[in-house]
C-alpha atoms as a PDB file:
ATOM      1  CA  THR A   1     -12.863  23.539   9.718  1.00  0.00           C
ATOM      2  CA  SER A   2     -15.963  21.496   8.975  1.00  0.00           C
ATOM      3  CA  LYS A   3     -18.635  20.918  11.622  1.00  0.00           C
ATOM      4  CA  GLU A   4     -18.221  17.212  10.939  1.00  0.00           C
ATOM      5  CA  ASP A   5     -14.512  17.320  11.842  1.00  0.00           C
ATOM      6  CA  MET A   6     -14.368  14.948  14.795  1.00  0.00           C
ATOM      7  CA  HIS A   7     -11.673  17.009  16.491  1.00  0.00           C
ATOM      8  CA  VAL A   8     -13.634  20.265  16.639  1.00  0.00           C
ATOM      9  CA  PRO A   9     -13.638  22.048  19.070  1.00  0.00           C
ATOM     10  CA  CYS A  10     -10.848  20.214  20.901  1.00  0.00           C
ATOM     11  CA  ASN A  11      -8.242  20.920  18.234  1.00  0.00           C
ATOM     12  CA  LEU A  12      -8.922  24.623  18.737  1.00  0.00           C
ATOM     13  CA  VAL A  13      -8.201  24.803  22.474  1.00  0.00           C
ATOM     14  CA  ARG A  14      -4.847  25.056  24.205  1.00  0.00           C
ATOM     15  CA  GLU A  15      -2.964  21.766  24.355  1.00  0.00           C
ATOM     16  CA  ASP A  16      -3.185  21.636  28.162  1.00  0.00           C
ATOM     17  CA  LEU A  17      -7.001  21.710  27.918  1.00  0.00           C
ATOM     18  CA  GLN A  18      -7.438  19.066  25.245  1.00  0.00           C
ATOM     19  CA  ASP A  19      -7.871  16.117  27.641  1.00  0.00           C
ATOM     20  CA  VAL A  20     -10.747  17.874  29.404  1.00  0.00           C
ATOM     21  CA  CYS A  21     -12.225  18.952  26.085  1.00  0.00           C
ATOM     22  CA  TYR A  22     -12.339  15.413  24.697  1.00  0.00           C
ATOM     23  CA  GLN A  23     -13.743  14.143  28.002  1.00  0.00           C
ATOM     24  CA  VAL A  24     -16.774  16.429  27.797  1.00  0.00           C
ATOM     25  CA  GLN A  25     -17.369  15.773  24.084  1.00  0.00           C
ATOM     26  CA  GLY A  26     -18.530  12.147  24.446  1.00  0.00           C
ATOM     27  CA  LYS A  27     -22.102  12.736  23.371  1.00  0.00           C
ATOM     28  CA  LEU A  28     -21.053  15.020  20.505  1.00  0.00           C
ATOM     29  CA  ILE A  29     -18.605  12.388  19.221  1.00  0.00           C
ATOM     30  CA  LEU A  30     -21.335   9.756  19.424  1.00  0.00           C
ATOM     31  CA  ASP A  31     -23.831  12.038  17.673  1.00  0.00           C
ATOM     32  CA  ARG A  32     -21.373  12.555  14.832  1.00  0.00           C
ATOM     33  CA  LEU A  33     -20.904   8.783  14.580  1.00  0.00           C
ATOM     34  CA  THR A  34     -24.639   8.015  14.825  1.00  0.00           C
ATOM     35  CA  TRP A  35     -24.119   6.436  18.253  1.00  0.00           C
ATOM     36  CA  ASP A  36     -21.761   3.768  16.955  1.00  0.00           C
ATOM     37  CA  PHE A  37     -19.771   2.979  20.099  1.00  0.00           C
ATOM     38  CA  ASP A  38     -17.213   0.838  18.267  1.00  0.00           C
ATOM     39  CA  LYS A  39     -16.319   3.758  15.988  1.00  0.00           C
ATOM     40  CA  ALA A  40     -16.300   6.190  18.913  1.00  0.00           C
ATOM     41  CA  PHE A  41     -13.960   3.987  20.959  1.00  0.00           C
ATOM     42  CA  THR A  42     -11.688   3.616  17.919  1.00  0.00           C
ATOM     43  CA  PHE A  43     -11.670   7.387  17.436  1.00  0.00           C
ATOM     44  CA  CYS A  44     -10.698   7.997  21.072  1.00  0.00           C
ATOM     45  CA  ALA A  45      -8.069   5.251  21.033  1.00  0.00           C
ATOM     46  CA  GLY A  46      -6.446   6.973  18.035  1.00  0.00           C
ATOM     47  CA  LEU A  47      -5.934  10.326  19.754  1.00  0.00           C
ATOM     48  CA  PRO A  48      -2.315  11.519  20.023  1.00  0.00           C
ATOM     49  CA  THR A  49      -1.652  10.736  23.697  1.00  0.00           C
ATOM     50  CA  ALA A  50      -2.670   7.974  26.084  1.00  0.00           C
ATOM     51  CA  THR A  51      -4.086  10.499  28.557  1.00  0.00           C
ATOM     52  CA  THR A  52      -6.189  12.164  25.870  1.00  0.00           C
ATOM     53  CA  SER A  53      -7.479   8.766  24.729  1.00  0.00           C
ATOM     54  CA  ALA A  54      -8.335   7.817  28.320  1.00  0.00           C
ATOM     55  CA  ALA A  55     -10.134  11.121  28.930  1.00  0.00           C
ATOM     56  CA  CYS A  56     -12.097  10.740  25.700  1.00  0.00           C
ATOM     57  CA  VAL A  57     -13.177   7.182  26.557  1.00  0.00           C
ATOM     58  CA  SER A  58     -14.122   8.291  30.069  1.00  0.00           C
ATOM     59  CA  GLY A  59     -16.429  10.841  28.447  1.00  0.00           C
ATOM     60  CA  LEU A  60     -17.903   8.107  26.285  1.00  0.00           C
ATOM     61  CA  GLY A  61     -18.445   6.118  29.481  1.00  0.00           C
ATOM     62  CA  ALA A  62     -20.804   8.769  30.806  1.00  0.00           C
ATOM     63  CA  ALA A  63     -22.762   8.474  27.556  1.00  0.00           C
ATOM     64  CA  VAL A  64     -22.716   4.669  27.870  1.00  0.00           C
ATOM     65  CA  SER A  65     -24.409   4.986  31.252  1.00  0.00           C
ATOM     66  CA  ASN A  66     -27.180   7.151  29.837  1.00  0.00           C
ATOM     67  CA  PHE A  67     -27.530   5.191  26.574  1.00  0.00           C
ATOM     68  CA  SER A  68     -27.858   1.964  28.569  1.00  0.00           C
ATOM     69  CA  ALA A  69     -30.742   3.409  30.579  1.00  0.00           C
ATOM     70  CA  TYR A  70     -28.518   2.940  33.653  1.00  0.00           C
ATOM     71  CA  LYS A  71     -28.643  -0.852  33.349  1.00  0.00           C
ATOM     72  CA  PRO A  72     -25.472  -2.319  34.895  1.00  0.00           C
ATOM     73  CA  GLN A  73     -25.146  -5.359  32.612  1.00  0.00           C
ATOM     74  CA  LYS A  74     -25.526  -3.280  29.443  1.00  0.00           C
ATOM     75  CA  ILE A  75     -22.980  -0.739  30.747  1.00  0.00           C
ATOM     76  CA  SER A  76     -20.501  -3.538  31.456  1.00  0.00           C
ATOM     77  CA  THR A  77     -21.012  -5.022  27.979  1.00  0.00           C
ATOM     78  CA  LEU A  78     -20.618  -1.709  26.141  1.00  0.00           C
ATOM     79  CA  CYS A  79     -17.515  -0.638  28.064  1.00  0.00           C
ATOM     80  CA  ALA A  80     -15.925  -4.018  27.334  1.00  0.00           C
ATOM     81  CA  LYS A  81     -15.800  -2.951  23.668  1.00  0.00           C
ATOM     82  CA  ALA A  82     -13.246  -0.215  24.383  1.00  0.00           C
ATOM     83  CA  PRO A  83      -9.842  -1.272  22.967  1.00  0.00           C
ATOM     84  CA  ASN A  84      -6.333  -1.216  24.432  1.00  0.00           C
ATOM     85  CA  GLY A  85      -7.323  -1.457  28.096  1.00  0.00           C
ATOM     86  CA  LEU A  86      -9.484   1.649  27.789  1.00  0.00           C
ATOM     87  CA  ASP A  87     -12.447  -0.310  29.141  1.00  0.00           C
ATOM     88  CA  GLN A  88     -11.367   0.782  32.621  1.00  0.00           C
ATOM     89  CA  ASP A  89     -11.651   4.445  31.601  1.00  0.00           C
ATOM     90  CA  CYS A  90     -15.086   3.769  30.130  1.00  0.00           C
ATOM     91  CA  LEU A  91     -16.151   2.114  33.381  1.00  0.00           C
ATOM     92  CA  TYR A  92     -14.893   5.095  35.370  1.00  0.00           C
ATOM     93  CA  GLY A  93     -16.958   7.520  33.270  1.00  0.00           C
ATOM     94  CA  ALA A  94     -20.026   5.272  33.322  1.00  0.00           C
ATOM     95  CA  ILE A  95     -19.891   4.496  37.034  1.00  0.00           C
ATOM     96  CA  THR A  96     -19.268   8.142  37.952  1.00  0.00           C
ATOM     97  CA  ASP A  97     -22.322   9.126  35.903  1.00  0.00           C
ATOM     98  CA  LEU A  98     -24.363   6.241  37.293  1.00  0.00           C
ATOM     99  CA  GLU A  99     -23.532   7.064  40.898  1.00  0.00           C
ATOM    100  CA  GLY A 100     -24.408  10.713  40.319  1.00  0.00           C
ATOM    101  CA  VAL A 101     -27.802   9.777  38.896  1.00  0.00           C
ATOM    102  CA  ALA A 102     -28.596   6.960  41.323  1.00  0.00           C
ATOM    103  CA  GLY A 103     -27.351   8.818  44.373  1.00  0.00           C
ATOM    104  CA  ASP A 104     -25.435   5.848  45.747  1.00  0.00           C
ATOM    105  CA  THR A 105     -22.822   3.232  44.899  1.00  0.00           C
ATOM    106  CA  THR A 106     -25.184   0.262  44.514  1.00  0.00           C
ATOM    107  CA  LEU A 107     -25.591   0.392  40.724  1.00  0.00           C
ATOM    108  CA  GLY A 108     -21.896   1.128  40.174  1.00  0.00           C
ATOM    109  CA  LYS A 109     -21.003  -1.979  42.129  1.00  0.00           C
ATOM    110  CA  GLN A 110     -23.575  -3.959  40.145  1.00  0.00           C
ATOM    111  CA  VAL A 111     -21.739  -2.960  36.958  1.00  0.00           C
ATOM    112  CA  CYS A 112     -18.634  -4.559  38.450  1.00  0.00           C
ATOM    113  CA  SER A 113     -20.496  -7.796  39.162  1.00  0.00           C
ATOM    114  CA  PHE A 114     -20.926  -8.230  35.383  1.00  0.00           C
ATOM    115  CA  GLN A 115     -17.202  -7.833  34.704  1.00  0.00           C
ATOM    116  CA  PRO A 116     -15.073 -10.925  34.041  1.00  0.00           C
ATOM    117  CA  ALA A 117     -13.650 -12.331  37.283  1.00  0.00           C
ATOM    118  CA  GLU A 118     -10.143 -11.076  36.500  1.00  0.00           C
ATOM    119  CA  LYS A 119     -11.405  -7.505  36.104  1.00  0.00           C
ATOM    120  CA  GLN A 120     -13.818  -7.283  39.027  1.00  0.00           C
ATOM    121  CA  ALA A 121     -11.303  -6.095  41.641  1.00  0.00           C
ATOM    122  CA  ALA A 122     -10.153  -3.252  39.363  1.00  0.00           C
ATOM    123  CA  CYS A 123     -13.776  -2.339  38.703  1.00  0.00           C
ATOM    124  CA  TYR A 124     -14.631  -2.178  42.413  1.00  0.00           C
ATOM    125  CA  THR A 125     -11.614   0.096  42.860  1.00  0.00           C
ATOM    126  CA  ILE A 126     -13.021   2.315  40.098  1.00  0.00           C
ATOM    127  CA  ALA A 127     -16.416   2.371  41.841  1.00  0.00           C
ATOM    128  CA  GLU A 128     -14.789   3.452  45.087  1.00  0.00           C
ATOM    129  CA  LYS A 129     -12.718   6.111  43.275  1.00  0.00           C
ATOM    130  CA  ALA A 130     -15.855   7.454  41.572  1.00  0.00           C
ATOM    131  CA  HIS A 131     -17.503   7.625  44.987  1.00  0.00           C
ATOM    132  CA  VAL A 132     -14.563   9.555  46.457  1.00  0.00           C
ATOM    133  CA  ASP A 133     -14.221  11.875  43.445  1.00  0.00           C
ATOM    134  CA  PHE A 134     -17.937  12.711  43.364  1.00  0.00           C
ATOM    135  CA  PRO A 135     -19.313  12.013  46.839  1.00  0.00           C
ATOM    136  CA  GLY A 136     -22.167  14.522  46.597  1.00  0.00           C
ATOM    137  CA  LYS A 137     -25.099  12.122  46.708  1.00  0.00           C
ATOM    138  CA  ALA A 138     -23.266   8.805  46.897  1.00  0.00           C
ATOM    139  CA  THR A 139     -23.782   7.724  50.498  1.00  0.00           C
ATOM    140  CA  ASN A 140     -24.778   4.058  50.234  1.00  0.00           C
ATOM    141  CA  GLU A 141     -21.902   1.763  51.114  1.00  0.00           C
END
């Protein structure tokens, strides 16, 4: 298998571990695609199962947060590019990463303020879920 094969190493692990594998490969996928988020989102959306696609896009979300220099508006804009409703998974990954770096929920909630009105409630739910899932430093309510 070639190093450039986009599925390596995830195609080499047990099937029950593939979701987690794709989730932690966000930066590698982006490196292989020269940080082209559109291509990366398309790659993840084309994975064999919906849960694997969602996990992959969530991993890209963490990279979106970093790539955006933790700027809420840029995070919101980049995640909006994810196809097939996967923008919510991107937001989850980005907001989880953002809250871990920032140490509170303020920036995650700011990301939601840049979402279209019809998506804001779902985004705030994601921000609260990220806070519950990774409450380590996130104490600002």
